[in-house]
Amino acid sequence: MSRILAVVSTIIDLPWKDILSALLTFLYSIAHYVGMFVVYLLGRVLPTATVPADLIDPLGYLALLTAFLILVQVAKKIAWIIVLAGWVLLLVRIVLGLFGY
């Protein structure tokens, strides 16, 4: 019991505000650089188009969110394929058991 209390007190003593601040700063940095890259690509594809500098961060956040949603959808499909393959293999094993193999 004392071990559990020691672990809980260690978790409570973590500097959560500093961790959250560092995480949000990291996400902002990634979004900013992704936004700069998107603006660069737009400049390469449409040389006459000008993108205001205040759109760099929103473009970066939207690009990150889009990438996250694509990854979630791909992971979801892969999980369904694995579940389906598991059921098929389980049914094959049951049928083989019924035939005495």
Protein backbone atom coordinates (compact mmCIF):
# COMPACT_ATOMS: atom_id res chain seq x y z
CA MET A 1 0.00 0.00 0.00
CA SER A 2 2.82 2.40 0.79
CA ARG A 3 4.32 1.69 -2.63
CA ILE A 4 1.08 2.78 -4.31
CA LEU A 5 1.00 5.97 -2.25
CA ALA A 6 4.59 6.72 -3.22
CA VAL A 7 3.77 6.31 -6.92
CA VAL A 8 0.63 8.46 -6.62
CA SER A 9 2.51 11.20 -4.77
CA THR A 10 5.19 11.13 -7.48
CA ILE A 11 2.55 11.56 -10.17
CA ILE A 12 0.93 14.43 -8.30
CA ASP A 13 4.29 16.19 -7.85
CA LEU A 14 4.97 16.34 -11.60
CA PRO A 15 5.08 19.87 -13.02
CA TRP A 16 1.96 19.49 -15.17
CA LYS A 17 1.89 23.14 -16.27
CA ASP A 18 5.46 22.94 -17.54
CA ILE A 19 4.78 19.67 -19.36
CA LEU A 20 1.62 21.06 -20.97
CA SER A 21 3.40 24.26 -21.93
CA ALA A 22 6.26 22.33 -23.52
CA LEU A 23 3.83 20.08 -25.40
CA LEU A 24 1.81 23.01 -26.74
CA THR A 25 4.99 24.84 -27.74
CA PHE A 26 6.17 21.74 -29.58
CA LEU A 27 2.83 21.41 -31.42
CA TYR A 28 2.90 25.10 -32.33
CA SER A 29 6.44 24.76 -33.71
CA ILE A 30 5.46 21.78 -35.83
CA ALA A 31 2.30 23.52 -37.07
CA HIS A 32 4.26 26.68 -37.91
CA TYR A 33 6.88 24.82 -39.95
CA VAL A 34 4.23 22.71 -41.70
CA GLY A 35 2.35 25.92 -42.50
CA MET A 36 5.51 27.45 -43.93
CA PHE A 37 5.98 24.34 -46.05
CA VAL A 38 2.39 24.51 -47.33
CA VAL A 39 2.85 28.18 -48.23
CA TYR A 40 6.11 27.29 -49.99
CA LEU A 41 4.34 24.57 -51.98
CA LEU A 42 1.53 26.96 -52.88
CA GLY A 43 4.15 29.44 -54.08
CA ARG A 44 5.74 26.76 -56.26
CA VAL A 45 2.42 25.63 -57.75
CA LEU A 46 0.84 29.08 -58.06
CA PRO A 47 3.72 31.57 -58.44
CA THR A 48 1.44 34.62 -58.78
CA ALA A 49 -0.57 33.83 -55.62
CA THR A 50 0.43 35.56 -52.42
CA VAL A 51 -0.49 34.06 -49.07
CA PRO A 52 -0.63 36.43 -46.10
CA ALA A 53 1.80 35.62 -43.31
CA ASP A 54 -1.00 35.39 -40.76
CA LEU A 55 -2.34 32.28 -42.56
CA ILE A 56 0.81 30.23 -41.96
CA ASP A 57 -0.22 28.99 -38.52
CA PRO A 58 -3.84 28.11 -39.42
CA LEU A 59 -2.63 26.27 -42.52
CA GLY A 60 -0.16 24.34 -40.39
CA TYR A 61 -2.74 23.38 -37.78
CA LEU A 62 -5.20 22.25 -40.45
CA ALA A 63 -2.50 20.24 -42.19
CA LEU A 64 -1.56 18.53 -38.90
CA LEU A 65 -5.19 17.80 -38.11
CA THR A 66 -5.72 16.38 -41.60
CA ALA A 67 -2.65 14.16 -41.29
CA PHE A 68 -3.85 12.94 -37.88
CA LEU A 69 -7.31 12.11 -39.25
CA ILE A 70 -5.79 10.22 -42.19
CA LEU A 71 -3.58 8.22 -39.82
CA VAL A 72 -6.57 7.39 -37.63
CA GLN A 73 -8.61 6.22 -40.62
CA VAL A 74 -5.75 4.05 -41.90
CA ALA A 75 -5.20 2.55 -38.46
CA LYS A 76 -8.92 1.86 -38.17
CA LYS A 77 -8.97 0.01 -41.50
CA ILE A 78 -5.90 -2.00 -40.57
CA ALA A 79 -7.52 -2.94 -37.25
CA TRP A 80 -10.65 -4.15 -39.06
CA ILE A 81 -8.53 -6.22 -41.46
CA ILE A 82 -6.74 -7.84 -38.52
CA VAL A 83 -10.03 -8.56 -36.73
CA LEU A 84 -11.54 -10.03 -39.90
CA ALA A 85 -8.47 -12.20 -40.51
CA GLY A 86 -8.64 -13.39 -36.90
CA TRP A 87 -12.28 -14.44 -37.26
CA VAL A 88 -11.56 -16.23 -40.55
CA LEU A 89 -8.62 -18.11 -39.06
CA LEU A 90 -10.68 -19.01 -36.00
CA LEU A 91 -13.52 -20.33 -38.15
CA VAL A 92 -11.07 -22.32 -40.30
CA ARG A 93 -9.62 -23.85 -37.13
CA ILE A 94 -13.10 -24.83 -35.90
CA VAL A 95 -14.03 -26.38 -39.26
CA LEU A 96 -10.77 -28.30 -39.38
CA GLY A 97 -11.47 -29.54 -35.85
CA LEU A 98 -14.90 -30.73 -36.93
CA PHE A 99 -13.35 -32.75 -39.75
CA GLY A 100 -10.82 -34.29 -37.37
CA TYR A 101 -7.69 -32.50 -38.50
